[in-house]
Amino acid sequence: MTEWVMAAYPNEGCGLLVERQSTLEVVCCENMQDELHQLDPTQYPRTAQTAYHVDPRVLCDVEDSGGHVRVIFHSHPDRGAYFSDEDSLSALGGDVDGLPILPGVDYLVLSARHDGVDDRKLFHWESEERVYEEVT
């Protein structure tokens, strides 16, 4: 996972941690954000340097093959490992008052710098507070 996000640097790298038969595996995904930005810069104003987009077909393929997405990971190039407002909005399907679009899926954010990943933090949906909170 670390190698994957560093290969994407200075763009955001992304992927999944998938559970199959009680084993976790890393599924590295292409960040589609630049493609979406080129197609519709009004709807997708940010590029892959400050945003990520996992192809929804990859999520479907995982589920169709008997796997379960447990974690979505992405990097923040030259920024800290935090769950940004944009990250939260994306996880809530664009509705700040909504519920997670992928219930039970956690989010791992890695801080990527030119010389490597220097921090990582995991975030989990807390239903009572209706926010993503860092798992300590």
C-alpha atoms as a PDB file:
ATOM      1  CA  MET A   1       0.000   0.000   0.000  1.00  0.00           C
ATOM      2  CA  THR A   2       2.795   2.429   0.919  1.00  0.00           C
ATOM      3  CA  GLU A   3       4.619   1.693  -2.326  1.00  0.00           C
ATOM      4  CA  TRP A   4       1.408   2.256  -4.288  1.00  0.00           C
ATOM      5  CA  VAL A   5       0.662   5.680  -2.826  1.00  0.00           C
ATOM      6  CA  MET A   6       4.289   6.718  -3.276  1.00  0.00           C
ATOM      7  CA  ALA A   7       4.152   5.629  -6.925  1.00  0.00           C
ATOM      8  CA  ALA A   8       1.170   7.976  -7.336  1.00  0.00           C
ATOM      9  CA  TYR A   9       2.951  10.888  -5.622  1.00  0.00           C
ATOM     10  CA  PRO A  10       2.531  13.874  -6.054  1.00  0.00           C
ATOM     11  CA  ASN A  11      -1.036  12.775  -6.800  1.00  0.00           C
ATOM     12  CA  GLU A  12      -3.282  11.007  -4.323  1.00  0.00           C
ATOM     13  CA  GLY A  13      -2.994   7.236  -4.451  1.00  0.00           C
ATOM     14  CA  CYS A  14      -5.936   5.048  -3.450  1.00  0.00           C
ATOM     15  CA  GLY A  15      -7.090   1.518  -2.948  1.00  0.00           C
ATOM     16  CA  LEU A  16      -8.948  -0.958  -0.784  1.00  0.00           C
ATOM     17  CA  LEU A  17      -8.353  -3.406   2.009  1.00  0.00           C
ATOM     18  CA  VAL A  18     -10.542  -6.374   1.151  1.00  0.00           C
ATOM     19  CA  GLU A  19     -11.461  -9.290   3.379  1.00  0.00           C
ATOM     20  CA  ARG A  20     -11.648 -12.699   1.728  1.00  0.00           C
ATOM     21  CA  GLN A  21     -12.038 -15.815   3.854  1.00  0.00           C
ATOM     22  CA  SER A  22     -10.801 -14.027   7.012  1.00  0.00           C
ATOM     23  CA  THR A  23      -7.708 -12.674   5.237  1.00  0.00           C
ATOM     24  CA  LEU A  24      -7.083  -9.037   4.345  1.00  0.00           C
ATOM     25  CA  GLU A  25      -5.620  -8.190   0.964  1.00  0.00           C
ATOM     26  CA  VAL A  26      -4.618  -4.883  -0.552  1.00  0.00           C
ATOM     27  CA  VAL A  27      -6.302  -3.924  -3.829  1.00  0.00           C
ATOM     28  CA  CYS A  28      -4.548  -0.961  -5.436  1.00  0.00           C
ATOM     29  CA  CYS A  29      -6.843   1.205  -7.542  1.00  0.00           C
ATOM     30  CA  GLU A  30      -6.294   3.772 -10.227  1.00  0.00           C
ATOM     31  CA  ASN A  31      -7.219   7.273  -9.101  1.00  0.00           C
ATOM     32  CA  MET A  32      -9.828   8.312 -11.677  1.00  0.00           C
ATOM     33  CA  GLN A  33     -10.029  11.925 -10.489  1.00  0.00           C
ATOM     34  CA  ASP A  34      -8.060  13.436 -13.397  1.00  0.00           C
ATOM     35  CA  GLU A  35     -10.268  11.619 -15.920  1.00  0.00           C
ATOM     36  CA  LEU A  36     -13.406  12.917 -14.235  1.00  0.00           C
ATOM     37  CA  HIS A  37     -11.947  16.418 -14.032  1.00  0.00           C
ATOM     38  CA  GLN A  38     -11.200  16.390 -17.764  1.00  0.00           C
ATOM     39  CA  LEU A  39     -14.713  15.174 -18.606  1.00  0.00           C
ATOM     40  CA  ASP A  40     -16.522  17.674 -16.395  1.00  0.00           C
ATOM     41  CA  PRO A  41     -14.385  20.250 -14.566  1.00  0.00           C
ATOM     42  CA  THR A  42     -17.488  21.963 -13.195  1.00  0.00           C
ATOM     43  CA  GLN A  43     -18.745  18.856 -11.401  1.00  0.00           C
ATOM     44  CA  TYR A  44     -15.199  17.654 -10.579  1.00  0.00           C
ATOM     45  CA  PRO A  45     -13.163  20.831 -10.003  1.00  0.00           C
ATOM     46  CA  ARG A  46     -10.312  19.110  -8.178  1.00  0.00           C
ATOM     47  CA  THR A  47      -7.536  17.082  -9.804  1.00  0.00           C
ATOM     48  CA  ALA A  48      -5.762  13.974  -8.568  1.00  0.00           C
ATOM     49  CA  GLN A  49      -3.310  16.157  -6.663  1.00  0.00           C
ATOM     50  CA  THR A  50      -6.026  17.014  -4.123  1.00  0.00           C
ATOM     51  CA  ALA A  51      -8.714  14.345  -4.594  1.00  0.00           C
ATOM     52  CA  TYR A  52      -9.232  10.679  -5.379  1.00  0.00           C
ATOM     53  CA  HIS A  53     -11.970   8.633  -6.985  1.00  0.00           C
ATOM     54  CA  VAL A  54     -12.113   4.840  -6.920  1.00  0.00           C
ATOM     55  CA  ASP A  55     -13.926   3.297  -9.876  1.00  0.00           C
ATOM     56  CA  PRO A  56     -17.246   2.021  -8.443  1.00  0.00           C
ATOM     57  CA  ARG A  57     -16.958  -1.022 -10.712  1.00  0.00           C
ATOM     58  CA  VAL A  58     -13.954  -2.155  -8.647  1.00  0.00           C
ATOM     59  CA  LEU A  59     -16.120  -2.105  -5.513  1.00  0.00           C
ATOM     60  CA  CYS A  60     -18.783  -4.139  -7.307  1.00  0.00           C
ATOM     61  CA  ASP A  61     -16.195  -6.620  -8.606  1.00  0.00           C
ATOM     62  CA  VAL A  62     -14.899  -7.173  -5.063  1.00  0.00           C
ATOM     63  CA  GLU A  63     -18.374  -7.883  -3.719  1.00  0.00           C
ATOM     64  CA  ASP A  64     -19.300 -10.050  -6.738  1.00  0.00           C
ATOM     65  CA  SER A  65     -16.189 -12.176  -6.175  1.00  0.00           C
ATOM     66  CA  GLY A  66     -17.049 -12.861  -2.537  1.00  0.00           C
ATOM     67  CA  GLY A  67     -14.828 -10.218  -0.980  1.00  0.00           C
ATOM     68  CA  HIS A  68     -15.851  -7.497   1.443  1.00  0.00           C
ATOM     69  CA  VAL A  69     -14.396  -3.998   1.386  1.00  0.00           C
ATOM     70  CA  ARG A  70     -13.281  -3.183   4.926  1.00  0.00           C
ATOM     71  CA  VAL A  71     -11.141  -0.083   4.330  1.00  0.00           C
ATOM     72  CA  ILE A  72     -10.721   2.495   1.591  1.00  0.00           C
ATOM     73  CA  PHE A  73      -7.297   4.101   1.699  1.00  0.00           C
ATOM     74  CA  HIS A  74      -5.908   7.200   0.052  1.00  0.00           C
ATOM     75  CA  SER A  75      -2.961   9.510   0.456  1.00  0.00           C
ATOM     76  CA  HIS A  76      -2.643  13.200   1.141  1.00  0.00           C
ATOM     77  CA  PRO A  77       0.462  14.343  -0.755  1.00  0.00           C
ATOM     78  CA  ASP A  78       2.451  16.877   1.261  1.00  0.00           C
ATOM     79  CA  ARG A  79      -0.373  17.174   3.787  1.00  0.00           C
ATOM     80  CA  GLY A  80      -1.147  15.407   7.025  1.00  0.00           C
ATOM     81  CA  ALA A  81      -3.057  12.197   7.662  1.00  0.00           C
ATOM     82  CA  TYR A  82      -6.467  13.615   8.521  1.00  0.00           C
ATOM     83  CA  PHE A  83     -10.041  13.025   7.357  1.00  0.00           C
ATOM     84  CA  SER A  84     -10.826  16.238   5.513  1.00  0.00           C
ATOM     85  CA  ASP A  85     -14.233  17.815   5.056  1.00  0.00           C
ATOM     86  CA  GLU A  86     -14.073  16.675   1.426  1.00  0.00           C
ATOM     87  CA  ASP A  87     -13.236  13.114   2.525  1.00  0.00           C
ATOM     88  CA  SER A  88     -16.236  13.108   4.852  1.00  0.00           C
ATOM     89  CA  LEU A  89     -18.547  14.598   2.231  1.00  0.00           C
ATOM     90  CA  SER A  90     -17.467  11.959  -0.268  1.00  0.00           C
ATOM     91  CA  ALA A  91     -18.008   9.135   2.244  1.00  0.00           C
ATOM     92  CA  LEU A  92     -21.493  10.514   2.898  1.00  0.00           C
ATOM     93  CA  GLY A  93     -22.383  10.605  -0.781  1.00  0.00           C
ATOM     94  CA  GLY A  94     -22.353  14.399  -0.916  1.00  0.00           C
ATOM     95  CA  ASP A  95     -24.938  14.832   1.848  1.00  0.00           C
ATOM     96  CA  VAL A  96     -23.417  16.426   4.965  1.00  0.00           C
ATOM     97  CA  ASP A  97     -26.440  15.313   6.998  1.00  0.00           C
ATOM     98  CA  GLY A  98     -26.489  11.847   5.476  1.00  0.00           C
ATOM     99  CA  LEU A  99     -25.240   8.419   6.371  1.00  0.00           C
ATOM    100  CA  PRO A 100     -22.214   6.619   4.946  1.00  0.00           C
ATOM    101  CA  ILE A 101     -22.762   5.303   1.441  1.00  0.00           C
ATOM    102  CA  LEU A 102     -20.629   2.282   2.361  1.00  0.00           C
ATOM    103  CA  PRO A 103     -21.756   1.239   5.858  1.00  0.00           C
ATOM    104  CA  GLY A 104     -19.099  -0.583   7.847  1.00  0.00           C
ATOM    105  CA  VAL A 105     -16.220   0.646   5.691  1.00  0.00           C
ATOM    106  CA  ASP A 106     -13.424   2.525   7.436  1.00  0.00           C
ATOM    107  CA  TYR A 107     -11.048   5.025   5.829  1.00  0.00           C
ATOM    108  CA  LEU A 108      -7.268   5.039   6.086  1.00  0.00           C
ATOM    109  CA  VAL A 109      -5.452   8.270   5.206  1.00  0.00           C
ATOM    110  CA  LEU A 110      -1.702   8.227   4.587  1.00  0.00           C
ATOM    111  CA  SER A 111       0.456  11.350   4.656  1.00  0.00           C
ATOM    112  CA  ALA A 112       2.818  11.098   1.660  1.00  0.00           C
ATOM    113  CA  ARG A 113       5.905  13.284   1.385  1.00  0.00           C
ATOM    114  CA  HIS A 114       8.590  13.334  -1.286  1.00  0.00           C
ATOM    115  CA  ASP A 115      10.704  10.976   0.844  1.00  0.00           C
ATOM    116  CA  GLY A 116       7.942   8.557   1.890  1.00  0.00           C
ATOM    117  CA  VAL A 117       4.839   8.048   4.006  1.00  0.00           C
ATOM    118  CA  ASP A 118       5.319   9.745   7.372  1.00  0.00           C
ATOM    119  CA  ASP A 119       1.933   9.164   9.027  1.00  0.00           C
ATOM    120  CA  ARG A 120      -1.292   7.191   8.697  1.00  0.00           C
ATOM    121  CA  LYS A 121      -4.597   7.368  10.508  1.00  0.00           C
ATOM    122  CA  LEU A 122      -7.734   5.234  10.413  1.00  0.00           C
ATOM    123  CA  PHE A 123     -11.225   6.743  10.612  1.00  0.00           C
ATOM    124  CA  HIS A 124     -14.471   5.008  11.546  1.00  0.00           C
ATOM    125  CA  TRP A 125     -18.090   6.183  11.379  1.00  0.00           C
ATOM    126  CA  GLU A 126     -19.488   6.907  14.828  1.00  0.00           C
ATOM    127  CA  SER A 127     -23.258   6.669  14.431  1.00  0.00           C
ATOM    128  CA  GLU A 128     -24.178   8.435  17.670  1.00  0.00           C
ATOM    129  CA  GLU A 129     -22.031  11.478  16.849  1.00  0.00           C
ATOM    130  CA  ARG A 130     -22.733  11.124  13.090  1.00  0.00           C
ATOM    131  CA  VAL A 131     -19.095  11.823  12.202  1.00  0.00           C
ATOM    132  CA  TYR A 132     -15.966   9.959  11.177  1.00  0.00           C
ATOM    133  CA  GLU A 133     -13.586   9.760  14.127  1.00  0.00           C
ATOM    134  CA  GLU A 134      -9.994   8.680  14.321  1.00  0.00           C
ATOM    135  CA  VAL A 135      -9.466   5.155  15.625  1.00  0.00           C
ATOM    136  CA  THR A 136      -6.777   5.289  18.301  1.00  0.00           C
END
